[in-house]
Every structure is written in C-alpha cells, then in structure tokens.
Amino acid sequence: MKYQVGDEIIVLHNHETGKVVEIINDKMVLIEVRGVQFPAYTDQIDFPYFYRFSKQLNEKEKAAPKPAPKMYVDQIPKEKPKPNQAKVANGVWLSLFPVFSFDEFNDEIVDKFKIYLSNRTNTAYDLEYSHNLGGERILDLKINLLPFHDFYLHDLDFAAVNDAPAFHFTFQLQNPQKNKAPFFEVTHKIKAKQLFLKVEALKANNQPAIEYLLFDHYPDALPEPEKIALTGLAAQGYKVYEAKKIRENLPSPRSEVDLHMEKLLDDWKSMSNYDILMYQLKEFEKWYDLAVAHRQPSLIVIHGVGSGKLRDEIHDLLKGRKEVKTFINQYHPRYGYGATEIYFQY
C-alpha cells in the first residue's frame, strides 16, 4: 500500500489537503478533509509534495483564455414579467428551473428551484395564487398575467420537496366573456420521487426546466340549471327551506368522526380494499362538508394507522381545500398516530 494512516494527502480534483485516517483495502482509503471524513480511491489522491513538483502548466495553458463563468438562474436579477419565446398558443404552464451547484465530490446537485408561471396564450388573466408546504399555506399572491408572458413566483428549496408542495391557482379572464366560466381553479401537487426522476431526465436531455401543463384552454361556462318550481315540490311532500335558514335544517355536525369500517357498516368484510377506501372517503366528505357548513372550528378524523393509505388520501384532499387553515397528525393519548385534527378558517 502506497499510503499509511496519518499521511498527508491532496485531493486531485479540488487540490484540498487532508490526511489518511484509515486503510480500507488496497484500492481505497478513508481520508479527512476540513473535518469531514469520506472514502477515496488511491488514484484520486496524491502526496502534496509529489503534486507540487509534478504539476506544471505549459505556456499554452497559461496563455489560453479562461472560459466565461457559468451562469445560473439564481444569478439573474429579479425583473418584471417579460415576454416569453412561445410562438404558438399552447396553454398556461407551471415551470420549475433547477439551480445546480457542486458538492465536495464535484457531483452536480440541485440547491433549489425557481418557480415561474408561463402564459403561452393570447389571453390575459387575473389570478390568485397560494403555495402550501406540509399542509400549511405559506404564500398568497394576486397576479396579472399578460398574454405570452412569464411571471416569476418564488423559489422552492430542494429540501422542501419532501414536504408535499402544492400550488393552487384561481384564474379569471381580465376581459370577462359571457360564454366563458367566471373563474377556473387549478391545483398542482408535486411528489418527490417523480420530481427526482424528472430532474435526472432533464440533465440527460439538456433541458432548462421541468414543466407542468395547468390548462390548454380556458373552460366554457356551464349551462344555466333548469329552474324548478318550489311550490310544486312542496305540494309533492318535499321539504323546502329558505336559503338563509338552510343551516338550521342541516344534520348536526360532529367534532370527531371514526372511519373504521366496523363503526360504519355491519356487513363490510366481503368488500374489496378499493370499495372500503371509497366508502371511507365518502363518509369523510359527508362529515367534512357538514363541519364547514356549520362553520365548525375544528374536526378530528380517526383513520387508524394500518398501511397509511386512507390517511394519505385524506391529507391530499385537505391540501387543496381553501377553508383548511392547517391539519396535524401527531401522537395523541387516545388515538396514537391514528387521527388527524383539522383546523378551519372562514
């Protein structure tokens, strides 16, 4: 072995000095550089004095012009919305521009994403935007989005990708049209594993950004509902209430809802897992809607632990609800980790 424990060395790719702290095998050693220990192949390091006396730059290298420094998106000054390069109208897009750096092993890593909204249509929109992380709303914006323009929203740290980031938009036409919807809501949620795969594909294909289509065409207005003669319904035995008194005639809400199937149905063991999940979600929606209709401050949903599928489905639904201020799934002396408490805002 060329090296021994305690030998001073230099790392060839970044010229930092360190020392050998352990011999792993005949090809690898454990080295320490600036207090950090990591394994290295013996051909990746050298003795400092060998490097100093053998490293010679020829005159061509000295005279060669230095390449221009690499520019990243985060080095570009923040600016007002500007025209994009779109030539054909193909919708409104959410774009994530990764900002790269290099770690101590000279591997390229993503530090953060620059988030842009790209309008590639000939229509102007007014919209409200909210950004959620971990089920908590952390940002609200009101935006005027011009035709064929890009709008910078904010940065998203790479570490925050694991906190289930969600982007919610409510679009309105700046110039309303009778045959078009008065507003249009779009929510996009990012899953960490899928985003990691997209980053690798982006690097392999030398693309600048990861893009998600929010919509290609602004939707048409729904047809007017057929008017019903309420007096005729009352004569047929239906209960008809005044709109302002509707809350008085709704079923009573619950502050706690247990979604275990044995609490909901007697004959459920013959049901498939999919049917059980759908039934539990339908029951959750019923008591959630009643809690909101009665303007209840909070609601506890008991979903159990199990595989976590029901919990995850409920959490995904809550992330896109405007009336949800926050929700939490933590240890409780009565439910353990099998319940989520929802707090509302009105």
Protein backbone atom coordinates (compact mmCIF):
# COMPACT_ATOMS: atom_id res chain seq x y z
CA MET A 1 0.00 0.00 0.00
CA LYS A 2 1.35 3.40 -1.05
CA TYR A 3 -0.24 5.23 1.91
CA GLN A 4 -0.23 4.78 5.67
CA VAL A 5 -2.52 6.14 8.42
CA GLY A 6 -1.51 9.73 9.19
CA ASP A 7 -0.04 10.51 5.75
CA GLU A 8 -0.79 13.96 4.42
CA ILE A 9 -2.52 13.89 1.02
CA ILE A 10 -4.03 16.21 -1.57
CA VAL A 11 -7.34 15.56 -3.36
CA LEU A 12 -6.59 15.83 -7.07
CA HIS A 13 -9.91 17.18 -8.36
CA ASN A 14 -10.09 20.21 -6.00
CA HIS A 15 -6.48 20.41 -4.65
CA GLU A 16 -7.62 20.39 -0.99
CA THR A 17 -5.26 18.90 1.57
CA GLY A 18 -6.11 16.32 4.19
CA LYS A 19 -4.82 13.15 5.81
CA VAL A 20 -5.33 9.39 5.73
CA VAL A 21 -7.28 8.15 8.77
CA GLU A 22 -7.90 4.51 7.81
CA ILE A 23 -6.83 1.93 5.21
CA ILE A 24 -9.97 0.32 3.75
CA ASN A 25 -8.36 -2.02 1.19
CA ASP A 26 -5.58 -1.98 -1.41
CA LYS A 27 -7.55 0.45 -3.60
CA MET A 28 -9.39 2.68 -1.11
CA VAL A 29 -8.59 4.70 1.99
CA LEU A 30 -10.64 6.82 4.38
CA ILE A 31 -9.48 10.45 4.31
CA GLU A 32 -10.31 13.55 6.34
CA VAL A 33 -10.58 16.97 4.67
CA ARG A 34 -11.60 20.06 6.68
CA GLY A 35 -13.04 17.87 9.43
CA VAL A 36 -15.12 15.71 7.04
CA GLN A 37 -14.25 12.04 6.58
CA PHE A 38 -15.06 10.15 3.37
CA PRO A 39 -13.64 7.24 1.34
CA ALA A 40 -11.47 7.87 -1.71
CA TYR A 41 -9.72 5.71 -4.30
CA THR A 42 -5.96 5.87 -4.18
CA ASP A 43 -5.82 7.22 -7.75
CA GLN A 44 -7.95 10.20 -6.65
CA ILE A 45 -5.34 11.43 -4.17
CA ASP A 46 -1.59 12.07 -4.09
CA PHE A 47 1.13 13.24 -1.71
CA PRO A 48 1.26 17.05 -1.55
CA TYR A 49 4.98 17.23 -2.40
CA PHE A 50 4.55 14.95 -5.44
CA TYR A 51 1.76 17.22 -6.67
CA ARG A 52 3.69 20.46 -6.11
CA PHE A 53 6.76 19.27 -8.02
CA SER A 54 4.99 17.37 -10.81
CA LYS A 55 2.15 19.82 -11.63
CA GLN A 56 3.49 22.12 -14.33
CA LEU A 57 1.40 24.30 -16.62
CA ASN A 58 2.76 24.69 -20.12
CA GLU A 59 2.80 28.07 -21.82
CA LYS A 60 -0.26 27.29 -23.91
CA GLU A 61 -2.32 26.62 -20.81
CA LYS A 62 -1.10 29.84 -19.23
CA ALA A 63 -1.95 31.88 -22.32
CA ALA A 64 -5.29 30.19 -23.03
CA PRO A 65 -8.27 32.46 -22.30
CA LYS A 66 -10.32 31.48 -19.29
CA PRO A 67 -13.85 30.25 -20.11
CA ALA A 68 -16.69 32.55 -19.18
CA PRO A 69 -18.11 31.78 -15.72
CA LYS A 70 -21.19 29.60 -15.77
CA MET A 71 -24.42 31.49 -15.12
CA TYR A 72 -27.33 30.05 -13.17
CA VAL A 73 -30.92 31.20 -12.99
CA ASP A 74 -30.48 32.47 -9.44
CA GLN A 75 -27.75 34.88 -10.62
CA ILE A 76 -30.13 36.63 -12.99
CA PRO A 77 -31.56 39.80 -11.38
CA LYS A 78 -35.22 39.69 -10.50
CA GLU A 79 -37.24 41.52 -13.11
CA LYS A 80 -40.75 42.38 -14.15
CA PRO A 81 -42.80 39.86 -16.15
CA LYS A 82 -41.35 39.65 -19.63
CA PRO A 83 -42.44 38.23 -22.98
CA ASN A 84 -41.62 34.56 -23.47
CA GLN A 85 -40.43 32.85 -26.62
CA ALA A 86 -43.67 30.97 -27.31
CA LYS A 87 -44.77 31.24 -30.93
CA VAL A 88 -47.88 29.08 -30.80
CA ALA A 89 -50.61 29.28 -28.14
CA ASN A 90 -50.44 26.02 -26.19
CA GLY A 91 -51.76 26.81 -22.71
CA VAL A 92 -50.64 28.01 -19.29
CA TRP A 93 -47.68 26.17 -17.71
CA LEU A 94 -46.01 25.86 -14.31
CA SER A 95 -42.22 25.78 -14.84
CA LEU A 96 -39.51 24.69 -12.37
CA PHE A 97 -35.97 25.83 -13.22
CA PRO A 98 -33.41 23.87 -11.14
CA VAL A 99 -30.41 25.76 -9.75
CA PHE A 100 -27.36 23.49 -9.58
CA SER A 101 -24.16 23.52 -7.52
CA PHE A 102 -21.34 21.06 -6.84
CA ASP A 103 -20.70 19.11 -3.63
CA GLU A 104 -17.31 18.16 -2.17
CA PHE A 105 -17.15 15.17 -4.53
CA ASN A 106 -17.70 17.50 -7.51
CA ASP A 107 -21.11 15.92 -8.14
CA GLU A 108 -23.82 18.20 -9.54
CA ILE A 109 -26.70 18.68 -7.08
CA VAL A 110 -29.90 20.77 -7.05
CA ASP A 111 -29.97 23.57 -4.47
CA LYS A 112 -33.43 24.93 -5.27
CA PHE A 113 -35.99 25.52 -8.00
CA LYS A 114 -37.04 28.86 -9.49
CA ILE A 115 -40.82 28.71 -9.94
CA TYR A 116 -42.35 30.50 -12.94
CA LEU A 117 -45.87 30.76 -14.38
CA SER A 118 -45.78 30.87 -18.17
CA ASN A 119 -48.76 32.18 -20.15
CA ARG A 120 -48.44 30.84 -23.69
CA THR A 121 -51.86 32.05 -24.82
CA ASN A 122 -53.14 35.29 -26.31
CA THR A 123 -55.43 35.86 -23.29
CA ALA A 124 -54.77 37.99 -20.19
CA TYR A 125 -55.71 36.60 -16.77
CA ASP A 126 -56.21 37.88 -13.23
CA LEU A 127 -55.48 35.18 -10.70
CA GLU A 128 -54.95 34.40 -7.05
CA TYR A 129 -52.09 32.08 -6.16
CA SER A 130 -51.35 30.20 -2.94
CA HIS A 131 -48.44 27.92 -2.07
CA ASN A 132 -48.74 25.16 0.54
CA LEU A 133 -45.98 23.18 2.26
CA GLY A 134 -46.70 20.33 4.63
CA GLY A 135 -50.40 21.18 4.56
CA GLU A 136 -49.77 24.78 5.66
CA ARG A 137 -50.35 27.79 3.44
CA ILE A 138 -47.15 29.86 3.37
CA LEU A 139 -47.67 32.30 0.49
CA ASP A 140 -50.53 34.18 -1.21
CA LEU A 141 -50.22 36.34 -4.33
CA LYS A 142 -52.52 38.26 -6.65
CA ILE A 143 -51.20 38.29 -10.20
CA ASN A 144 -51.92 39.99 -13.53
CA LEU A 145 -50.72 37.54 -16.17
CA LEU A 146 -50.26 39.10 -19.61
CA PRO A 147 -50.51 37.18 -22.91
CA PHE A 148 -47.30 35.35 -23.87
CA HIS A 149 -45.52 36.46 -20.69
CA ASP A 150 -43.64 34.67 -17.91
CA PHE A 151 -44.18 35.55 -14.25
CA TYR A 152 -41.65 34.64 -11.52
CA LEU A 153 -43.46 33.32 -8.41
CA HIS A 154 -40.81 32.32 -5.82
CA ASP A 155 -38.02 29.85 -5.02
CA LEU A 156 -38.58 26.33 -3.71
CA ASP A 157 -35.72 24.80 -1.68
CA PHE A 158 -34.79 21.30 -2.81
CA ALA A 159 -35.20 20.00 0.76
CA ALA A 160 -38.82 21.26 0.79
CA VAL A 161 -39.80 18.86 -2.00
CA ASN A 162 -40.37 16.22 0.69
CA ASP A 163 -42.98 18.47 2.35
CA ALA A 164 -45.60 17.81 -0.37
CA PRO A 165 -45.54 21.24 -2.07
CA ALA A 166 -48.87 22.26 -3.61
CA PHE A 167 -49.61 25.15 -5.98
CA HIS A 168 -53.18 26.45 -6.17
CA PHE A 169 -54.41 28.91 -8.81
CA THR A 170 -57.77 30.61 -9.32
CA PHE A 171 -57.91 32.12 -12.83
CA GLN A 172 -60.29 34.78 -14.12
CA LEU A 173 -60.39 36.45 -17.53
CA GLN A 174 -59.26 40.10 -17.41
CA ASN A 175 -61.95 40.74 -20.02
CA PRO A 176 -64.91 38.54 -18.96
CA GLN A 177 -66.82 36.75 -21.70
CA LYS A 178 -70.41 35.64 -21.38
CA ASN A 179 -69.74 32.16 -22.76
CA LYS A 180 -66.68 31.57 -20.52
CA ALA A 181 -66.52 30.39 -16.90
CA PRO A 182 -66.44 33.23 -14.31
CA PHE A 183 -63.40 31.59 -12.68
CA PHE A 184 -61.32 28.45 -13.00
CA GLU A 185 -59.37 26.65 -10.23
CA VAL A 186 -56.29 24.51 -10.79
CA THR A 187 -54.19 22.75 -8.13
CA HIS A 188 -50.89 21.03 -8.87
CA LYS A 189 -49.14 18.83 -6.30
CA ILE A 190 -45.58 17.62 -6.60
CA LYS A 191 -44.46 14.16 -5.49
CA ALA A 192 -40.80 13.96 -4.53
CA LYS A 193 -39.95 10.68 -6.25
CA GLN A 194 -41.46 11.78 -9.57
CA LEU A 195 -39.65 15.11 -9.40
CA PHE A 196 -36.29 13.41 -8.76
CA LEU A 197 -36.80 11.29 -11.89
CA LYS A 198 -37.70 14.39 -13.91
CA VAL A 199 -34.50 16.14 -12.75
CA GLU A 200 -32.41 13.21 -13.98
CA ALA A 201 -34.25 13.20 -17.31
CA LEU A 202 -33.77 16.98 -17.58
CA LYS A 203 -29.99 16.66 -17.15
CA ALA A 204 -29.79 13.77 -19.58
CA ASN A 205 -31.73 15.69 -22.26
CA ASN A 206 -30.01 19.02 -21.54
CA GLN A 207 -33.33 20.80 -20.94
CA PRO A 208 -33.65 24.06 -18.97
CA ALA A 209 -36.82 23.40 -16.95
CA ILE A 210 -39.41 20.90 -15.73
CA GLU A 211 -42.86 21.94 -16.96
CA TYR A 212 -46.42 21.02 -15.98
CA LEU A 213 -49.44 21.99 -18.10
CA LEU A 214 -52.11 23.69 -15.95
CA PHE A 215 -54.64 24.03 -18.77
CA ASP A 216 -54.62 24.42 -22.54
CA HIS A 217 -57.91 26.30 -22.97
CA TYR A 218 -59.88 28.39 -20.52
CA PRO A 219 -63.16 26.48 -19.92
CA ASP A 220 -66.58 27.47 -21.20
CA ALA A 221 -69.36 28.49 -18.82
CA LEU A 222 -71.63 25.73 -17.57
CA PRO A 223 -75.21 25.81 -18.87
CA GLU A 224 -77.75 27.51 -16.65
CA PRO A 225 -79.51 24.99 -14.40
CA GLU A 226 -83.15 24.37 -15.13
CA LYS A 227 -85.37 26.36 -12.82
CA ILE A 228 -87.65 24.30 -10.59
CA ALA A 229 -90.97 25.45 -9.25
CA LEU A 230 -90.50 25.18 -5.49
CA THR A 231 -94.19 25.44 -4.75
CA GLY A 232 -94.77 22.32 -6.81
CA LEU A 233 -92.12 20.42 -4.83
CA ALA A 234 -93.69 21.46 -1.55
CA ALA A 235 -97.06 20.23 -2.78
CA GLN A 236 -95.47 16.84 -3.53
CA GLY A 237 -94.28 16.44 0.05
CA TYR A 238 -90.64 17.68 -0.31
CA LYS A 239 -89.19 19.89 2.41
CA VAL A 240 -88.44 23.36 1.05
CA TYR A 241 -86.43 25.86 3.12
CA GLU A 242 -85.46 29.47 2.74
CA ALA A 243 -81.78 29.79 1.77
CA LYS A 244 -80.94 31.92 4.82
CA LYS A 245 -82.31 29.19 7.10
CA ILE A 246 -80.61 26.26 5.39
CA ARG A 247 -78.05 25.79 8.19
CA GLU A 248 -80.83 25.35 10.73
CA ASN A 249 -82.16 22.38 8.76
CA LEU A 250 -78.88 20.58 8.11
CA PRO A 251 -77.97 17.46 10.12
CA SER A 252 -75.92 18.14 13.23
CA PRO A 253 -72.13 18.08 12.68
CA ARG A 254 -69.64 16.01 14.65
CA SER A 255 -66.43 17.18 16.25
CA GLU A 256 -64.97 13.66 15.90
CA VAL A 257 -65.51 11.13 13.09
CA ASP A 258 -64.36 7.49 13.27
CA LEU A 259 -63.75 5.99 9.81
CA HIS A 260 -63.02 2.41 10.92
CA MET A 261 -65.31 0.20 8.82
CA GLU A 262 -66.67 -1.67 11.84
CA LYS A 263 -68.01 1.71 13.01
CA LEU A 264 -69.64 2.47 9.66
CA LEU A 265 -71.10 -0.82 8.39
CA ASP A 266 -72.08 -4.17 9.88
CA ASP A 267 -71.58 -6.20 6.70
CA TRP A 268 -68.29 -4.94 5.28
CA LYS A 269 -65.87 -7.90 5.37
CA SER A 270 -66.87 -9.06 1.89
CA MET A 271 -65.95 -5.66 0.38
CA SER A 272 -62.75 -5.21 -1.63
CA ASN A 273 -60.00 -2.92 -0.33
CA TYR A 274 -60.84 -0.39 -3.05
CA ASP A 275 -64.56 -0.35 -2.13
CA ILE A 276 -63.68 0.04 1.55
CA LEU A 277 -61.42 3.02 0.80
CA MET A 278 -64.07 4.69 -1.39
CA TYR A 279 -66.74 4.21 1.28
CA GLN A 280 -64.48 5.70 3.97
CA LEU A 281 -63.63 8.71 1.79
CA LYS A 282 -67.30 9.29 1.01
CA GLU A 283 -68.08 9.22 4.73
CA PHE A 284 -65.21 11.65 5.40
CA GLU A 285 -66.52 14.06 2.73
CA LYS A 286 -70.00 13.99 4.28
CA TRP A 287 -68.85 14.98 7.78
CA TYR A 288 -66.25 17.40 6.42
CA ASP A 289 -68.93 19.26 4.40
CA LEU A 290 -71.23 19.40 7.44
CA ALA A 291 -68.40 20.79 9.60
CA VAL A 292 -67.77 23.54 7.03
CA ALA A 293 -71.48 24.28 6.54
CA HIS A 294 -71.84 24.78 10.30
CA ARG A 295 -68.59 26.79 10.38
CA GLN A 296 -67.10 24.39 12.90
CA PRO A 297 -63.64 25.49 14.17
CA SER A 298 -62.06 22.02 14.01
CA LEU A 299 -62.71 18.38 13.23
CA ILE A 300 -60.92 15.19 14.36
CA VAL A 301 -60.84 12.38 11.78
CA ILE A 302 -59.92 8.92 13.12
CA HIS A 303 -58.43 6.98 10.20
CA GLY A 304 -56.28 4.46 12.07
CA VAL A 305 -52.66 3.59 11.29
CA GLY A 306 -52.70 0.50 9.05
CA SER A 307 -50.92 0.95 5.70
CA GLY A 308 -51.49 4.72 5.80
CA LYS A 309 -53.43 4.76 2.51
CA LEU A 310 -56.61 6.31 3.98
CA ARG A 311 -54.56 8.89 5.92
CA ASP A 312 -52.60 9.87 2.80
CA GLU A 313 -55.75 10.20 0.68
CA ILE A 314 -57.38 12.44 3.31
CA HIS A 315 -54.24 14.58 3.63
CA ASP A 316 -54.09 15.02 -0.16
CA LEU A 317 -57.72 16.21 -0.15
CA LEU A 318 -57.08 18.65 2.70
CA LYS A 319 -54.09 20.27 0.96
CA GLY A 320 -56.35 21.67 -1.74
CA ARG A 321 -59.19 22.97 0.47
CA LYS A 322 -59.31 26.75 0.95
CA GLU A 323 -61.22 26.52 4.23
CA VAL A 324 -58.47 24.38 5.84
CA LYS A 325 -56.12 26.55 7.88
CA THR A 326 -53.92 23.64 8.90
CA PHE A 327 -54.07 19.98 9.87
CA ILE A 328 -51.85 17.80 12.01
CA ASN A 329 -51.26 14.07 12.53
CA GLN A 330 -49.28 13.63 15.74
CA TYR A 331 -49.32 11.33 18.73
CA HIS A 332 -52.49 11.59 20.82
CA PRO A 333 -53.08 9.68 24.08
CA ARG A 334 -56.48 8.47 22.80
CA TYR A 335 -55.73 7.70 19.14
CA GLY A 336 -51.96 7.26 18.98
CA TYR A 337 -50.94 8.27 15.45
CA GLY A 338 -54.29 7.15 14.02
CA ALA A 339 -56.08 10.52 13.86
CA THR A 340 -55.73 13.86 12.08
CA GLU A 341 -57.04 17.11 13.57
CA ILE A 342 -58.24 19.72 11.07
CA TYR A 343 -58.46 23.45 11.85
CA PHE A 344 -60.68 25.62 9.66
CA GLN A 345 -60.57 29.26 8.59
CA TYR A 346 -63.58 31.20 7.27
